[in-house]
Amino acid sequence: MTMLPPNAHSRAIDVTSYVLVAAMIVAVLWLRLLPAAIAGFLVYALARKLESRLRRRHTLSRHAKAIAVVGVFVIATLILVGIGLGIGRLVEHGHGLEGMLTRVADVLDNLRESLPAAVADTIPPSVTELRVRLVEMLKEHGRQVSTVGIDGLRHSALALIGLIVGAMVAWSDTPDPTRHKPLAAALLNRLGRLTAAFEAVVFAQVKISALNTALAAIYLMGALPLFGQHVPYSKSLILLTFVAGLIPVVGNLISNAAVVVMSVTASLELAVASLVFLVVVHKLEYFVNARIIGSRIDARAWELILALIVMEALFGVGGVIAAPVLYAYLKRELTDAGLIG
């Protein structure tokens, strides 16, 4: 049997580890396992970071790991409960859906009076007619709606599994690459760099979410009242903007859609104003987000924008969400290999 020189053997191990990690990343995106991956990495990263801080305090160092893992789970539970309470408030009798339908009826009446006759004829004359049309649409596109619902349940289940796996990994001892075989050690190094890239992007995303929330608060609680306008459930929308903003790209779309829907229940003019504001802010934040994340991973804004475009073309929305983390990881690997930097 021909023996490889030490350098060639080392390079072969590195190449194998690169291929395996790349295959894992492609599989996660291709099989739509991104919710589980994000949830797992998030719990693991937050628990590890909290544990390292607790170990600096002698009174808590002995139980640092348990406090960190349990603490992260408690925080996640509180966030889920907060979202549930927010949804419950929206559907509360007399103030939620019932009040929303009343507002929709008023908006429909105003639209029919202000628009040309040819356009007004296409608008449902009442909430009852609107319900009938919605039911017909659901019947016509029932399969697509069912698929969306099933996908939502699937993603939720995957995220829950990811949370559990991430907590289990965080609870276990930190693996030491020097105590493993060469290939296992190389894989641990790869995954360590991927985790570091994820942490950098996540904490940058917190800043982005805070910025989104501040802008939404200025618009909903500051600018609109100056013109005598008010969007229903403004405080709940601001809270939703922060929570949803922690999800890259998609979170903005969720919060923006909620603001526009609530604006529609007030008036058509307010809905148009909200839509214009959110479109302008979203386009500006596309570059601001790239700059904030770029500063954390030492990347220029145009590099991240290009990565977003390429990943969106390859994997759709999932690719856009994963692009900052994967680009940060790729750049870290290239830098550590001495190829760039």
C-alpha atoms as a PDB file:
ATOM      1  CA  MET A   1       0.000   0.000   0.000  1.00  0.00           C
ATOM      2  CA  THR A   2       1.322   3.427  -0.990  1.00  0.00           C
ATOM      3  CA  MET A   3       1.667   5.810   1.931  1.00  0.00           C
ATOM      4  CA  LEU A   4       0.900   9.482   1.402  1.00  0.00           C
ATOM      5  CA  PRO A   5       3.430  12.081   2.567  1.00  0.00           C
ATOM      6  CA  PRO A   6       2.374  13.832   5.817  1.00  0.00           C
ATOM      7  CA  ASN A   7       1.498  17.085   4.027  1.00  0.00           C
ATOM      8  CA  ALA A   8      -0.540  15.295   1.357  1.00  0.00           C
ATOM      9  CA  HIS A   9      -2.334  13.264   4.035  1.00  0.00           C
ATOM     10  CA  SER A  10      -3.189  16.433   5.953  1.00  0.00           C
ATOM     11  CA  ARG A  11      -4.464  18.138   2.809  1.00  0.00           C
ATOM     12  CA  ALA A  12      -6.606  15.099   1.978  1.00  0.00           C
ATOM     13  CA  ILE A  13      -8.170  15.214   5.444  1.00  0.00           C
ATOM     14  CA  ASP A  14      -8.860  18.950   5.121  1.00  0.00           C
ATOM     15  CA  VAL A  15     -10.429  18.526   1.669  1.00  0.00           C
ATOM     16  CA  THR A  16     -12.609  15.685   2.962  1.00  0.00           C
ATOM     17  CA  SER A  17     -13.800  17.793   5.894  1.00  0.00           C
ATOM     18  CA  TYR A  18     -14.592  20.709   3.555  1.00  0.00           C
ATOM     19  CA  VAL A  19     -16.603  18.426   1.266  1.00  0.00           C
ATOM     20  CA  LEU A  20     -18.539  16.894   4.157  1.00  0.00           C
ATOM     21  CA  VAL A  21     -19.424  20.279   5.677  1.00  0.00           C
ATOM     22  CA  ALA A  22     -20.413  21.660   2.257  1.00  0.00           C
ATOM     23  CA  ALA A  23     -22.601  18.591   1.655  1.00  0.00           C
ATOM     24  CA  MET A  24     -24.232  19.107   5.056  1.00  0.00           C
ATOM     25  CA  ILE A  25     -25.005  22.770   4.286  1.00  0.00           C
ATOM     26  CA  VAL A  26     -26.457  21.962   0.859  1.00  0.00           C
ATOM     27  CA  ALA A  27     -28.545  19.146   2.376  1.00  0.00           C
ATOM     28  CA  VAL A  28     -29.965  21.481   5.036  1.00  0.00           C
ATOM     29  CA  LEU A  29     -30.982  24.043   2.418  1.00  0.00           C
ATOM     30  CA  TRP A  30     -32.144  21.526  -0.192  1.00  0.00           C
ATOM     31  CA  LEU A  31     -34.231  19.481   2.282  1.00  0.00           C
ATOM     32  CA  ARG A  32     -35.633  22.656   3.906  1.00  0.00           C
ATOM     33  CA  LEU A  33     -34.210  21.871   7.311  1.00  0.00           C
ATOM     34  CA  LEU A  34     -33.125  25.472   7.900  1.00  0.00           C
ATOM     35  CA  PRO A  35     -35.623  26.134  10.790  1.00  0.00           C
ATOM     36  CA  ALA A  36     -34.151  23.233  12.770  1.00  0.00           C
ATOM     37  CA  ALA A  37     -30.589  24.327  12.011  1.00  0.00           C
ATOM     38  CA  ILE A  38     -31.204  27.947  13.025  1.00  0.00           C
ATOM     39  CA  ALA A  39     -33.038  26.970  16.220  1.00  0.00           C
ATOM     40  CA  GLY A  40     -30.328  24.497  17.201  1.00  0.00           C
ATOM     41  CA  PHE A  41     -27.448  26.878  16.523  1.00  0.00           C
ATOM     42  CA  LEU A  42     -29.289  29.696  18.318  1.00  0.00           C
ATOM     43  CA  VAL A  43     -29.867  27.748  21.532  1.00  0.00           C
ATOM     44  CA  TYR A  44     -26.330  26.355  21.455  1.00  0.00           C
ATOM     45  CA  ALA A  45     -24.687  29.745  20.804  1.00  0.00           C
ATOM     46  CA  LEU A  46     -26.709  31.638  23.415  1.00  0.00           C
ATOM     47  CA  ALA A  47     -26.267  28.925  26.053  1.00  0.00           C
ATOM     48  CA  ARG A  48     -22.505  28.749  25.477  1.00  0.00           C
ATOM     49  CA  LYS A  49     -22.132  32.527  25.595  1.00  0.00           C
ATOM     50  CA  LEU A  50     -24.183  32.802  28.780  1.00  0.00           C
ATOM     51  CA  GLU A  51     -22.233  29.924  30.336  1.00  0.00           C
ATOM     52  CA  SER A  52     -18.878  31.599  29.615  1.00  0.00           C
ATOM     53  CA  ARG A  53     -20.072  34.780  31.310  1.00  0.00           C
ATOM     54  CA  LEU A  54     -21.402  32.934  34.345  1.00  0.00           C
ATOM     55  CA  ARG A  55     -18.106  31.075  34.799  1.00  0.00           C
ATOM     56  CA  ARG A  56     -16.402  34.412  35.424  1.00  0.00           C
ATOM     57  CA  ARG A  57     -18.447  34.699  38.630  1.00  0.00           C
ATOM     58  CA  HIS A  58     -17.123  32.310  41.249  1.00  0.00           C
ATOM     59  CA  THR A  59     -20.501  31.970  42.992  1.00  0.00           C
ATOM     60  CA  LEU A  60     -22.169  30.666  39.824  1.00  0.00           C
ATOM     61  CA  SER A  61     -19.295  28.894  38.046  1.00  0.00           C
ATOM     62  CA  ARG A  62     -20.167  25.432  39.387  1.00  0.00           C
ATOM     63  CA  HIS A  63     -23.698  25.501  37.982  1.00  0.00           C
ATOM     64  CA  ALA A  64     -22.987  27.769  35.012  1.00  0.00           C
ATOM     65  CA  LYS A  65     -23.925  25.222  32.346  1.00  0.00           C
ATOM     66  CA  ALA A  66     -27.247  24.265  33.936  1.00  0.00           C
ATOM     67  CA  ILE A  67     -28.207  27.899  34.546  1.00  0.00           C
ATOM     68  CA  ALA A  68     -27.292  28.860  30.981  1.00  0.00           C
ATOM     69  CA  VAL A  69     -29.211  26.073  29.231  1.00  0.00           C
ATOM     70  CA  VAL A  70     -32.278  26.396  31.456  1.00  0.00           C
ATOM     71  CA  GLY A  71     -32.140  30.185  31.209  1.00  0.00           C
ATOM     72  CA  VAL A  72     -32.151  30.136  27.417  1.00  0.00           C
ATOM     73  CA  PHE A  73     -35.134  27.784  27.451  1.00  0.00           C
ATOM     74  CA  VAL A  74     -37.018  30.046  29.869  1.00  0.00           C
ATOM     75  CA  ILE A  75     -36.369  33.078  27.672  1.00  0.00           C
ATOM     76  CA  ALA A  76     -37.563  31.183  24.591  1.00  0.00           C
ATOM     77  CA  THR A  77     -40.695  30.115  26.465  1.00  0.00           C
ATOM     78  CA  LEU A  78     -41.435  33.689  27.547  1.00  0.00           C
ATOM     79  CA  ILE A  79     -41.114  34.877  23.963  1.00  0.00           C
ATOM     80  CA  LEU A  80     -43.513  32.175  22.760  1.00  0.00           C
ATOM     81  CA  VAL A  81     -45.982  33.047  25.531  1.00  0.00           C
ATOM     82  CA  GLY A  82     -45.731  36.723  24.593  1.00  0.00           C
ATOM     83  CA  ILE A  83     -46.507  35.929  20.964  1.00  0.00           C
ATOM     84  CA  GLY A  84     -49.451  33.778  22.061  1.00  0.00           C
ATOM     85  CA  LEU A  85     -50.815  36.575  24.274  1.00  0.00           C
ATOM     86  CA  GLY A  86     -50.456  39.018  21.393  1.00  0.00           C
ATOM     87  CA  ILE A  87     -52.437  36.750  19.085  1.00  0.00           C
ATOM     88  CA  GLY A  88     -55.034  36.266  21.815  1.00  0.00           C
ATOM     89  CA  ARG A  89     -55.412  40.016  22.143  1.00  0.00           C
ATOM     90  CA  LEU A  90     -56.004  40.344  18.422  1.00  0.00           C
ATOM     91  CA  VAL A  91     -58.826  37.794  18.489  1.00  0.00           C
ATOM     92  CA  GLU A  92     -60.302  39.008  21.792  1.00  0.00           C
ATOM     93  CA  HIS A  93     -64.074  39.358  21.534  1.00  0.00           C
ATOM     94  CA  GLY A  94     -65.242  42.885  20.920  1.00  0.00           C
ATOM     95  CA  HIS A  95     -61.780  44.243  20.255  1.00  0.00           C
ATOM     96  CA  GLY A  96     -60.057  41.856  17.906  1.00  0.00           C
ATOM     97  CA  LEU A  97     -61.582  40.200  14.864  1.00  0.00           C
ATOM     98  CA  GLU A  98     -65.039  41.636  15.480  1.00  0.00           C
ATOM     99  CA  GLY A  99     -63.719  45.170  15.694  1.00  0.00           C
ATOM    100  CA  MET A 100     -61.478  44.517  12.704  1.00  0.00           C
ATOM    101  CA  LEU A 101     -64.426  43.384  10.576  1.00  0.00           C
ATOM    102  CA  THR A 102     -66.322  46.528  11.556  1.00  0.00           C
ATOM    103  CA  ARG A 103     -63.372  48.628  10.422  1.00  0.00           C
ATOM    104  CA  VAL A 104     -63.147  46.658   7.172  1.00  0.00           C
ATOM    105  CA  ALA A 105     -66.834  47.358   6.522  1.00  0.00           C
ATOM    106  CA  ASP A 106     -66.228  51.100   6.984  1.00  0.00           C
ATOM    107  CA  VAL A 107     -63.249  50.973   4.645  1.00  0.00           C
ATOM    108  CA  LEU A 108     -65.286  49.155   1.984  1.00  0.00           C
ATOM    109  CA  ASP A 109     -67.985  51.811   2.163  1.00  0.00           C
ATOM    110  CA  ASN A 110     -65.439  54.614   1.836  1.00  0.00           C
ATOM    111  CA  LEU A 111     -63.758  52.887  -1.111  1.00  0.00           C
ATOM    112  CA  ARG A 112     -67.002  52.438  -3.032  1.00  0.00           C
ATOM    113  CA  GLU A 113     -67.844  56.112  -2.551  1.00  0.00           C
ATOM    114  CA  SER A 114     -64.437  57.507  -3.511  1.00  0.00           C
ATOM    115  CA  LEU A 115     -63.449  55.292  -6.464  1.00  0.00           C
ATOM    116  CA  PRO A 116     -64.795  55.364 -10.034  1.00  0.00           C
ATOM    117  CA  ALA A 117     -67.874  53.237 -10.673  1.00  0.00           C
ATOM    118  CA  ALA A 118     -65.984  50.755 -12.875  1.00  0.00           C
ATOM    119  CA  VAL A 119     -63.489  50.106 -10.089  1.00  0.00           C
ATOM    120  CA  ALA A 120     -66.023  50.260  -7.250  1.00  0.00           C
ATOM    121  CA  ASP A 121     -68.049  47.427  -8.810  1.00  0.00           C
ATOM    122  CA  THR A 122     -65.123  45.049  -8.176  1.00  0.00           C
ATOM    123  CA  ILE A 123     -65.103  45.809  -4.439  1.00  0.00           C
ATOM    124  CA  PRO A 124     -67.326  43.643  -2.193  1.00  0.00           C
ATOM    125  CA  PRO A 125     -70.339  45.685  -1.037  1.00  0.00           C
ATOM    126  CA  SER A 126     -70.211  44.260   2.492  1.00  0.00           C
ATOM    127  CA  VAL A 127     -68.204  42.134   4.872  1.00  0.00           C
ATOM    128  CA  THR A 128     -70.595  39.250   4.196  1.00  0.00           C
ATOM    129  CA  GLU A 129     -69.841  39.415   0.476  1.00  0.00           C
ATOM    130  CA  LEU A 130     -66.128  39.640   1.294  1.00  0.00           C
ATOM    131  CA  ARG A 131     -66.417  36.473   3.369  1.00  0.00           C
ATOM    132  CA  VAL A 132     -68.205  34.703   0.509  1.00  0.00           C
ATOM    133  CA  ARG A 133     -65.441  35.636  -1.921  1.00  0.00           C
ATOM    134  CA  LEU A 134     -62.778  34.509   0.528  1.00  0.00           C
ATOM    135  CA  VAL A 135     -64.519  31.145   0.939  1.00  0.00           C
ATOM    136  CA  GLU A 136     -64.709  30.738  -2.848  1.00  0.00           C
ATOM    137  CA  MET A 137     -61.029  31.573  -3.150  1.00  0.00           C
ATOM    138  CA  LEU A 138     -60.160  29.043  -0.435  1.00  0.00           C
ATOM    139  CA  LYS A 139     -62.173  26.371  -2.216  1.00  0.00           C
ATOM    140  CA  GLU A 140     -60.484  27.153  -5.513  1.00  0.00           C
ATOM    141  CA  HIS A 141     -56.997  27.177  -4.013  1.00  0.00           C
ATOM    142  CA  GLY A 142     -57.621  24.779  -1.150  1.00  0.00           C
ATOM    143  CA  ARG A 143     -54.674  22.576  -2.002  1.00  0.00           C
ATOM    144  CA  GLN A 144     -52.232  25.477  -1.965  1.00  0.00           C
ATOM    145  CA  VAL A 145     -53.629  26.814   1.332  1.00  0.00           C
ATOM    146  CA  SER A 146     -53.461  23.332   2.846  1.00  0.00           C
ATOM    147  CA  THR A 147     -49.857  23.017   1.716  1.00  0.00           C
ATOM    148  CA  VAL A 148     -48.958  26.330   3.342  1.00  0.00           C
ATOM    149  CA  GLY A 149     -50.566  25.200   6.593  1.00  0.00           C
ATOM    150  CA  ILE A 150     -48.769  21.869   6.544  1.00  0.00           C
ATOM    151  CA  ASP A 151     -45.461  23.578   5.778  1.00  0.00           C
ATOM    152  CA  GLY A 152     -46.018  25.915   8.720  1.00  0.00           C
ATOM    153  CA  LEU A 153     -46.609  22.986  11.066  1.00  0.00           C
ATOM    154  CA  ARG A 154     -43.592  21.188   9.622  1.00  0.00           C
ATOM    155  CA  HIS A 155     -41.317  24.189  10.123  1.00  0.00           C
ATOM    156  CA  SER A 156     -42.598  24.631  13.694  1.00  0.00           C
ATOM    157  CA  ALA A 157     -41.928  20.966  14.464  1.00  0.00           C
ATOM    158  CA  LEU A 158     -38.453  21.199  12.942  1.00  0.00           C
ATOM    159  CA  ALA A 159     -37.684  24.324  14.963  1.00  0.00           C
ATOM    160  CA  LEU A 160     -38.788  22.548  18.143  1.00  0.00           C
ATOM    161  CA  ILE A 161     -36.560  19.582  17.323  1.00  0.00           C
ATOM    162  CA  GLY A 162     -33.693  21.974  16.629  1.00  0.00           C
ATOM    163  CA  LEU A 163     -34.199  23.663  20.010  1.00  0.00           C
ATOM    164  CA  ILE A 164     -34.037  20.308  21.778  1.00  0.00           C
ATOM    165  CA  VAL A 165     -30.945  19.158  19.869  1.00  0.00           C
ATOM    166  CA  GLY A 166     -29.205  22.500  20.428  1.00  0.00           C
ATOM    167  CA  ALA A 167     -29.899  22.317  24.160  1.00  0.00           C
ATOM    168  CA  MET A 168     -28.598  18.734  24.295  1.00  0.00           C
ATOM    169  CA  VAL A 169     -25.380  19.704  22.527  1.00  0.00           C
ATOM    170  CA  ALA A 170     -24.947  22.757  24.765  1.00  0.00           C
ATOM    171  CA  TRP A 171     -25.450  20.540  27.842  1.00  0.00           C
ATOM    172  CA  SER A 172     -22.757  18.099  26.757  1.00  0.00           C
ATOM    173  CA  ASP A 173     -19.056  18.721  27.259  1.00  0.00           C
ATOM    174  CA  THR A 174     -17.277  20.872  24.698  1.00  0.00           C
ATOM    175  CA  PRO A 175     -15.377  18.516  22.379  1.00  0.00           C
ATOM    176  CA  ASP A 176     -11.610  18.964  22.195  1.00  0.00           C
ATOM    177  CA  PRO A 177     -10.335  18.484  18.604  1.00  0.00           C
ATOM    178  CA  THR A 178      -6.881  17.438  19.868  1.00  0.00           C
ATOM    179  CA  ARG A 179      -8.372  14.320  21.464  1.00  0.00           C
ATOM    180  CA  HIS A 180     -10.007  13.056  18.277  1.00  0.00           C
ATOM    181  CA  LYS A 181      -8.854  11.345  15.114  1.00  0.00           C
ATOM    182  CA  PRO A 182      -7.629  13.659  12.311  1.00  0.00           C
ATOM    183  CA  LEU A 183     -10.866  13.727  10.291  1.00  0.00           C
ATOM    184  CA  ALA A 184     -13.056  14.202  13.375  1.00  0.00           C
ATOM    185  CA  ALA A 185     -10.746  16.985  14.572  1.00  0.00           C
ATOM    186  CA  ALA A 186     -10.932  18.711  11.182  1.00  0.00           C
ATOM    187  CA  LEU A 187     -14.742  18.492  11.189  1.00  0.00           C
ATOM    188  CA  LEU A 188     -14.886  19.944  14.701  1.00  0.00           C
ATOM    189  CA  ASN A 189     -12.722  22.858  13.544  1.00  0.00           C
ATOM    190  CA  ARG A 190     -15.032  23.436  10.561  1.00  0.00           C
ATOM    191  CA  LEU A 191     -18.154  23.368  12.759  1.00  0.00           C
ATOM    192  CA  GLY A 192     -16.485  25.638  15.308  1.00  0.00           C
ATOM    193  CA  ARG A 193     -15.872  28.264  12.634  1.00  0.00           C
ATOM    194  CA  LEU A 194     -19.456  27.868  11.387  1.00  0.00           C
ATOM    195  CA  THR A 195     -20.757  28.416  14.926  1.00  0.00           C
ATOM    196  CA  ALA A 196     -18.579  31.515  15.331  1.00  0.00           C
ATOM    197  CA  ALA A 197     -19.915  32.912  12.056  1.00  0.00           C
ATOM    198  CA  PHE A 198     -23.480  32.215  13.181  1.00  0.00           C
ATOM    199  CA  GLU A 199     -22.908  34.035  16.478  1.00  0.00           C
ATOM    200  CA  ALA A 200     -21.470  37.078  14.703  1.00  0.00           C
ATOM    201  CA  VAL A 201     -24.449  37.337  12.363  1.00  0.00           C
ATOM    202  CA  VAL A 202     -27.052  36.680  15.076  1.00  0.00           C
ATOM    203  CA  PHE A 203     -25.808  39.427  17.375  1.00  0.00           C
ATOM    204  CA  ALA A 204     -25.654  41.780  14.405  1.00  0.00           C
ATOM    205  CA  GLN A 205     -29.258  40.799  13.648  1.00  0.00           C
ATOM    206  CA  VAL A 206     -30.262  41.922  17.143  1.00  0.00           C
ATOM    207  CA  LYS A 207     -28.983  45.420  16.267  1.00  0.00           C
ATOM    208  CA  ILE A 208     -30.911  45.317  12.991  1.00  0.00           C
ATOM    209  CA  SER A 209     -34.085  44.279  14.795  1.00  0.00           C
ATOM    210  CA  ALA A 210     -33.647  47.109  17.286  1.00  0.00           C
ATOM    211  CA  LEU A 211     -33.257  49.558  14.385  1.00  0.00           C
ATOM    212  CA  ASN A 212     -36.392  48.213  12.678  1.00  0.00           C
ATOM    213  CA  THR A 213     -38.327  48.507  15.934  1.00  0.00           C
ATOM    214  CA  ALA A 214     -37.166  52.079  16.498  1.00  0.00           C
ATOM    215  CA  LEU A 215     -38.233  53.122  12.992  1.00  0.00           C
ATOM    216  CA  ALA A 216     -41.598  51.390  13.367  1.00  0.00           C
ATOM    217  CA  ALA A 217     -42.154  53.093  16.730  1.00  0.00           C
ATOM    218  CA  ILE A 218     -41.299  56.510  15.273  1.00  0.00           C
ATOM    219  CA  TYR A 219     -43.746  55.943  12.408  1.00  0.00           C
ATOM    220  CA  LEU A 220     -46.620  54.378  14.391  1.00  0.00           C
ATOM    221  CA  MET A 221     -46.358  56.311  17.662  1.00  0.00           C
ATOM    222  CA  GLY A 222     -44.753  59.549  16.491  1.00  0.00           C
ATOM    223  CA  ALA A 223     -45.318  60.521  12.853  1.00  0.00           C
ATOM    224  CA  LEU A 224     -48.878  59.255  12.347  1.00  0.00           C
ATOM    225  CA  PRO A 225     -50.377  60.892  15.480  1.00  0.00           C
ATOM    226  CA  LEU A 226     -48.987  64.243  14.288  1.00  0.00           C
ATOM    227  CA  PHE A 227     -51.306  63.935  11.262  1.00  0.00           C
ATOM    228  CA  GLY A 228     -54.242  62.692  13.316  1.00  0.00           C
ATOM    229  CA  GLN A 229     -53.864  59.074  12.153  1.00  0.00           C
ATOM    230  CA  HIS A 230     -53.713  55.911  14.231  1.00  0.00           C
ATOM    231  CA  VAL A 231     -52.975  52.292  13.352  1.00  0.00           C
ATOM    232  CA  PRO A 232     -54.833  49.787  15.568  1.00  0.00           C
ATOM    233  CA  TYR A 233     -52.718  47.721  17.969  1.00  0.00           C
ATOM    234  CA  SER A 234     -49.651  49.898  17.405  1.00  0.00           C
ATOM    235  CA  LYS A 235     -47.905  48.682  20.564  1.00  0.00           C
ATOM    236  CA  SER A 236     -48.453  45.031  19.631  1.00  0.00           C
ATOM    237  CA  LEU A 237     -47.114  45.752  16.140  1.00  0.00           C
ATOM    238  CA  ILE A 238     -43.968  47.313  17.600  1.00  0.00           C
ATOM    239  CA  LEU A 239     -43.400  44.218  19.750  1.00  0.00           C
ATOM    240  CA  LEU A 240     -44.000  41.997  16.716  1.00  0.00           C
ATOM    241  CA  THR A 241     -41.493  44.050  14.718  1.00  0.00           C
ATOM    242  CA  PHE A 242     -38.747  43.352  17.263  1.00  0.00           C
ATOM    243  CA  VAL A 243     -39.478  39.629  17.646  1.00  0.00           C
ATOM    244  CA  ALA A 244     -39.932  39.020  13.909  1.00  0.00           C
ATOM    245  CA  GLY A 245     -36.918  41.205  13.128  1.00  0.00           C
ATOM    246  CA  LEU A 246     -34.670  38.615  14.763  1.00  0.00           C
ATOM    247  CA  ILE A 247     -35.374  36.446  11.710  1.00  0.00           C
ATOM    248  CA  PRO A 248     -33.219  37.680   8.791  1.00  0.00           C
ATOM    249  CA  VAL A 249     -35.136  39.111   5.803  1.00  0.00           C
ATOM    250  CA  VAL A 250     -38.346  37.115   6.344  1.00  0.00           C
ATOM    251  CA  GLY A 251     -38.984  38.755   9.723  1.00  0.00           C
ATOM    252  CA  ASN A 252     -39.197  42.171   8.095  1.00  0.00           C
ATOM    253  CA  LEU A 253     -41.756  40.884   5.601  1.00  0.00           C
ATOM    254  CA  ILE A 254     -43.918  39.463   8.425  1.00  0.00           C
ATOM    255  CA  SER A 255     -43.932  42.661  10.482  1.00  0.00           C
ATOM    256  CA  ASN A 256     -44.426  44.870   7.417  1.00  0.00           C
ATOM    257  CA  ALA A 257     -47.401  42.819   6.266  1.00  0.00           C
ATOM    258  CA  ALA A 258     -48.958  43.085   9.749  1.00  0.00           C
ATOM    259  CA  VAL A 259     -48.569  46.896   9.763  1.00  0.00           C
ATOM    260  CA  VAL A 260     -50.169  47.221   6.311  1.00  0.00           C
ATOM    261  CA  VAL A 261     -53.087  44.917   7.229  1.00  0.00           C
ATOM    262  CA  MET A 262     -53.801  46.914  10.385  1.00  0.00           C
ATOM    263  CA  SER A 263     -53.553  50.134   8.384  1.00  0.00           C
ATOM    264  CA  VAL A 264     -56.150  48.846   5.908  1.00  0.00           C
ATOM    265  CA  THR A 265     -58.638  48.452   8.751  1.00  0.00           C
ATOM    266  CA  ALA A 266     -58.273  52.186   9.465  1.00  0.00           C
ATOM    267  CA  SER A 267     -58.398  53.713   5.972  1.00  0.00           C
ATOM    268  CA  LEU A 268     -57.173  53.223   2.430  1.00  0.00           C
ATOM    269  CA  GLU A 269     -55.035  56.345   2.596  1.00  0.00           C
ATOM    270  CA  LEU A 270     -53.298  55.141   5.753  1.00  0.00           C
ATOM    271  CA  ALA A 271     -52.692  51.737   4.163  1.00  0.00           C
ATOM    272  CA  VAL A 272     -51.052  53.370   1.144  1.00  0.00           C
ATOM    273  CA  ALA A 273     -48.935  55.598   3.388  1.00  0.00           C
ATOM    274  CA  SER A 274     -47.827  52.601   5.480  1.00  0.00           C
ATOM    275  CA  LEU A 275     -46.991  50.609   2.377  1.00  0.00           C
ATOM    276  CA  VAL A 276     -44.897  53.430   0.895  1.00  0.00           C
ATOM    277  CA  PHE A 277     -43.090  53.992   4.202  1.00  0.00           C
ATOM    278  CA  LEU A 278     -42.312  50.325   4.682  1.00  0.00           C
ATOM    279  CA  VAL A 279     -41.138  49.825   1.082  1.00  0.00           C
ATOM    280  CA  VAL A 280     -38.774  52.805   1.336  1.00  0.00           C
ATOM    281  CA  VAL A 281     -37.459  51.714   4.741  1.00  0.00           C
ATOM    282  CA  HIS A 282     -37.071  48.108   3.590  1.00  0.00           C
ATOM    283  CA  LYS A 283     -35.018  49.125   0.552  1.00  0.00           C
ATOM    284  CA  LEU A 284     -32.790  51.400   2.628  1.00  0.00           C
ATOM    285  CA  GLU A 285     -32.328  48.740   5.289  1.00  0.00           C
ATOM    286  CA  TYR A 286     -31.216  46.274   2.638  1.00  0.00           C
ATOM    287  CA  PHE A 287     -27.965  48.244   2.494  1.00  0.00           C
ATOM    288  CA  VAL A 288     -27.921  49.174   6.197  1.00  0.00           C
ATOM    289  CA  ASN A 289     -28.307  45.513   7.172  1.00  0.00           C
ATOM    290  CA  ALA A 290     -25.451  44.530   4.904  1.00  0.00           C
ATOM    291  CA  ARG A 291     -23.290  47.229   6.488  1.00  0.00           C
ATOM    292  CA  ILE A 292     -24.143  46.201  10.079  1.00  0.00           C
ATOM    293  CA  ILE A 293     -23.549  42.508   9.451  1.00  0.00           C
ATOM    294  CA  GLY A 294     -20.504  43.300   7.306  1.00  0.00           C
ATOM    295  CA  SER A 295     -18.889  45.163  10.184  1.00  0.00           C
ATOM    296  CA  ARG A 296     -19.226  42.050  12.379  1.00  0.00           C
ATOM    297  CA  ILE A 297     -17.732  39.646   9.849  1.00  0.00           C
ATOM    298  CA  ASP A 298     -15.292  42.057   8.185  1.00  0.00           C
ATOM    299  CA  ALA A 299     -17.123  42.089   4.854  1.00  0.00           C
ATOM    300  CA  ARG A 300     -18.092  44.969   2.590  1.00  0.00           C
ATOM    301  CA  ALA A 301     -21.751  45.736   1.956  1.00  0.00           C
ATOM    302  CA  TRP A 302     -21.521  44.861  -1.733  1.00  0.00           C
ATOM    303  CA  GLU A 303     -20.055  41.454  -0.886  1.00  0.00           C
ATOM    304  CA  LEU A 304     -23.036  40.540   1.286  1.00  0.00           C
ATOM    305  CA  ILE A 305     -25.534  41.918  -1.223  1.00  0.00           C
ATOM    306  CA  LEU A 306     -23.928  39.784  -3.928  1.00  0.00           C
ATOM    307  CA  ALA A 307     -24.055  36.747  -1.597  1.00  0.00           C
ATOM    308  CA  LEU A 308     -27.756  37.416  -0.927  1.00  0.00           C
ATOM    309  CA  ILE A 309     -28.512  37.576  -4.660  1.00  0.00           C
ATOM    310  CA  VAL A 310     -26.620  34.372  -5.468  1.00  0.00           C
ATOM    311  CA  MET A 311     -28.087  32.396  -2.556  1.00  0.00           C
ATOM    312  CA  GLU A 312     -31.599  33.589  -3.372  1.00  0.00           C
ATOM    313  CA  ALA A 313     -31.166  32.370  -6.945  1.00  0.00           C
ATOM    314  CA  LEU A 314     -29.921  28.978  -5.727  1.00  0.00           C
ATOM    315  CA  PHE A 315     -32.151  28.251  -2.726  1.00  0.00           C
ATOM    316  CA  GLY A 316     -34.885  30.894  -2.604  1.00  0.00           C
ATOM    317  CA  VAL A 317     -35.878  32.512   0.702  1.00  0.00           C
ATOM    318  CA  GLY A 318     -33.931  29.940   2.707  1.00  0.00           C
ATOM    319  CA  GLY A 319     -30.795  30.878   0.816  1.00  0.00           C
ATOM    320  CA  VAL A 320     -31.328  34.572   1.609  1.00  0.00           C
ATOM    321  CA  ILE A 321     -31.691  33.805   5.327  1.00  0.00           C
ATOM    322  CA  ALA A 322     -28.590  31.605   5.394  1.00  0.00           C
ATOM    323  CA  ALA A 323     -26.442  33.797   3.105  1.00  0.00           C
ATOM    324  CA  PRO A 324     -24.875  36.080   5.773  1.00  0.00           C
ATOM    325  CA  VAL A 325     -23.880  33.133   7.986  1.00  0.00           C
ATOM    326  CA  LEU A 326     -22.502  31.038   5.131  1.00  0.00           C
ATOM    327  CA  TYR A 327     -20.590  33.959   3.636  1.00  0.00           C
ATOM    328  CA  ALA A 328     -19.104  34.786   7.052  1.00  0.00           C
ATOM    329  CA  TYR A 329     -18.102  31.142   7.465  1.00  0.00           C
ATOM    330  CA  LEU A 330     -16.563  30.962   3.981  1.00  0.00           C
ATOM    331  CA  LYS A 331     -14.568  34.127   4.545  1.00  0.00           C
ATOM    332  CA  ARG A 332     -13.333  32.873   7.929  1.00  0.00           C
ATOM    333  CA  GLU A 333     -12.168  29.603   6.389  1.00  0.00           C
ATOM    334  CA  LEU A 334     -10.355  31.375   3.565  1.00  0.00           C
ATOM    335  CA  THR A 335      -8.734  33.791   5.991  1.00  0.00           C
ATOM    336  CA  ASP A 336      -7.556  31.047   8.364  1.00  0.00           C
ATOM    337  CA  ALA A 337      -6.171  29.124   5.380  1.00  0.00           C
ATOM    338  CA  GLY A 338      -4.079  32.174   4.460  1.00  0.00           C
ATOM    339  CA  LEU A 339      -5.755  32.539   1.056  1.00  0.00           C
ATOM    340  CA  ILE A 340      -7.239  36.013   1.712  1.00  0.00           C
ATOM    341  CA  GLY A 341      -6.897  38.787   4.265  1.00  0.00           C
END
